Protein backbone atom coordinates (compact mmCIF):
# COMPACT_ATOMS: atom_id res chain seq x y z
CA UNK A 1 5.17 -5.00 -8.16
CA UNK A 2 1.40 -4.78 -8.31
CA UNK A 3 -0.78 -4.12 -5.28
CA UNK A 4 -3.75 -6.47 -4.93
CA UNK A 5 -6.62 -6.43 -2.47
CA UNK A 6 -8.35 -9.72 -1.64
CA UNK A 7 -11.83 -9.34 -0.16
CA UNK A 8 -12.77 -12.78 1.14
CA UNK A 9 -14.60 -13.81 4.32
CA UNK A 10 -13.11 -17.33 4.42
CA UNK A 11 -9.73 -17.09 6.19
CA UNK A 12 -8.54 -20.29 4.49
CA UNK A 13 -9.33 -19.09 0.96
CA UNK A 14 -7.93 -15.62 1.68
CA UNK A 15 -4.67 -17.14 2.98
CA UNK A 16 -4.36 -19.47 -0.01
CA UNK A 17 -4.99 -16.69 -2.53
CA UNK A 18 -2.62 -14.36 -0.70
CA UNK A 19 0.18 -16.93 -0.67
CA UNK A 20 -0.26 -17.75 -4.37
CA UNK A 21 -0.28 -14.10 -5.40
CA UNK A 22 2.67 -13.14 -3.17
CA UNK A 23 4.76 -15.95 -4.68
CA UNK A 24 4.07 -14.30 -8.04
CA UNK A 25 5.68 -11.10 -6.73
CA UNK A 26 2.61 -9.06 -5.83
CA UNK A 27 1.95 -6.99 -2.75
CA UNK A 28 -1.23 -8.44 -1.26
CA UNK A 29 -3.66 -6.83 1.18
CA UNK A 30 -6.64 -8.71 2.60
CA UNK A 31 -9.90 -7.90 4.27
CA UNK A 32 -13.09 -9.82 4.99
CA UNK A 33 -16.00 -7.37 4.80
CA UNK A 34 -17.48 -5.08 2.21
CA UNK A 35 -17.24 -2.07 4.48
CA UNK A 36 -13.55 -2.54 5.14
CA UNK A 37 -12.95 -3.23 1.42
CA UNK A 38 -14.37 0.17 0.51
CA UNK A 39 -12.15 1.92 3.06
CA UNK A 40 -9.01 -0.01 2.09
CA UNK A 41 -9.60 0.50 -1.64
CA UNK A 42 -9.91 4.27 -1.18
CA UNK A 43 -6.84 4.44 1.08
CA UNK A 44 -4.53 1.97 -0.71
CA UNK A 45 -5.70 2.31 -4.35
CA UNK A 46 -4.79 -1.25 -5.36
CA UNK A 47 -4.21 -2.18 -8.99
CA UNK A 48 -6.70 -5.05 -8.72
CA UNK A 49 -9.35 -6.24 -6.28
CA UNK A 50 -10.29 -9.91 -6.05
CA UNK A 51 -13.79 -9.67 -4.62
CA UNK A 52 -16.09 -12.32 -3.19
CA UNK A 53 -19.80 -11.70 -3.72
CA UNK A 54 -21.11 -13.27 -0.53
CA UNK A 55 -19.72 -11.12 2.27
CA UNK A 56 -21.03 -10.12 5.69
CA UNK A 57 -22.74 -6.73 5.58
CA UNK A 58 -22.39 -5.13 2.16
CA UNK A 59 -22.16 -7.80 -0.53
CA UNK A 60 -19.57 -7.82 -3.31
CA UNK A 61 -21.94 -6.49 -5.96
CA UNK A 62 -22.69 -3.43 -3.82
CA UNK A 63 -18.99 -2.96 -3.06
CA UNK A 64 -18.30 -3.00 -6.80
CA UNK A 65 -21.12 -0.55 -7.49
CA UNK A 66 -19.78 1.88 -4.88
CA UNK A 67 -16.19 1.53 -6.08
CA UNK A 68 -17.17 2.20 -9.69
CA UNK A 69 -19.31 5.20 -8.74
CA UNK A 70 -16.54 6.95 -6.79
CA UNK A 71 -14.08 8.97 -8.83
CA UNK A 72 -11.02 7.95 -6.78
CA UNK A 73 -11.68 4.17 -7.06
CA UNK A 74 -13.43 3.95 -10.44
CA UNK A 75 -10.29 2.84 -12.33
CA UNK A 76 -9.45 -0.07 -9.99
CA UNK A 77 -9.86 -3.36 -11.82
CA UNK A 78 -12.11 -6.01 -10.26
CA UNK A 79 -12.26 -9.76 -10.51
CA UNK A 80 -15.08 -11.50 -8.72
CA UNK A 81 -13.99 -14.76 -7.07
CA UNK A 82 -17.12 -16.46 -5.78
CA UNK A 83 -19.07 -19.68 -5.45
CA UNK A 84 -22.14 -17.98 -6.92
CA UNK A 85 -22.24 -19.42 -10.41
CA UNK A 86 -25.72 -18.65 -11.72
CA UNK A 87 -25.70 -16.99 -15.13
CA UNK A 88 -27.49 -13.93 -13.74
CA UNK A 89 -24.79 -13.49 -11.09
CA UNK A 90 -21.96 -13.85 -13.62
CA UNK A 91 -23.57 -11.37 -16.01
CA UNK A 92 -24.21 -8.90 -13.18
CA UNK A 93 -20.61 -9.26 -12.00
CA UNK A 94 -19.19 -8.64 -15.46
CA UNK A 95 -21.03 -5.33 -15.57
CA UNK A 96 -18.56 -4.12 -12.90
CA UNK A 97 -15.54 -6.36 -13.18
CA UNK A 98 -13.08 -7.53 -15.76
CA UNK A 99 -13.61 -11.19 -14.90
CA UNK A 100 -15.62 -13.64 -12.82
CA UNK A 101 -13.98 -16.75 -11.34
CA UNK A 102 -16.04 -19.56 -9.84
CA UNK A 103 -14.86 -21.24 -6.61
CA UNK A 104 -13.35 -23.70 -6.25
CA UNK A 105 -10.80 -22.33 -8.69
CA UNK A 106 -7.69 -23.91 -10.17
CA UNK A 107 -4.50 -22.09 -9.19
CA UNK A 108 -3.15 -21.81 -12.76
CA UNK A 109 -6.48 -20.32 -13.88
CA UNK A 110 -6.47 -17.77 -11.05
CA UNK A 111 -2.93 -16.71 -11.89
CA UNK A 112 -3.67 -16.45 -15.61
CA UNK A 113 -6.75 -14.33 -15.04
CA UNK A 114 -4.91 -12.02 -12.64
CA UNK A 115 -2.09 -11.58 -15.16
CA UNK A 116 -4.55 -10.74 -17.92
CA UNK A 117 -6.42 -8.26 -15.71
CA UNK A 118 -3.18 -6.50 -14.85
CA UNK A 119 -2.05 -6.05 -18.45
CA UNK A 120 -1.86 -2.34 -19.28
CA UNK A 121 -4.21 -2.66 -22.26
CA UNK A 122 -6.92 -4.48 -20.30
């Protein structure tokens, strides 16, 4: 069982993603702010973080930067899941993460991208 952390400020989207990923057999943690994401990531050390960019307080890009600069959280894989679809945003996100999913997403695509991110060789 893999441990996933969803960082999403929309309760509806967080609940949907959590349900989908739990059905797939994952342990899923959720939070809605960048600050709490940093604390939970350091405490729980998830295998993968699904991270929105537009968050209250610290945005997702800054969360990713801080996670990747800290030794204890550097190896955690990140997938951005966001409505920000400008090329500059996607390129910036891929500097930190393994993938970048645009909302609204298709459930099969989300699952496929999570599976790929969790492969040992990825």
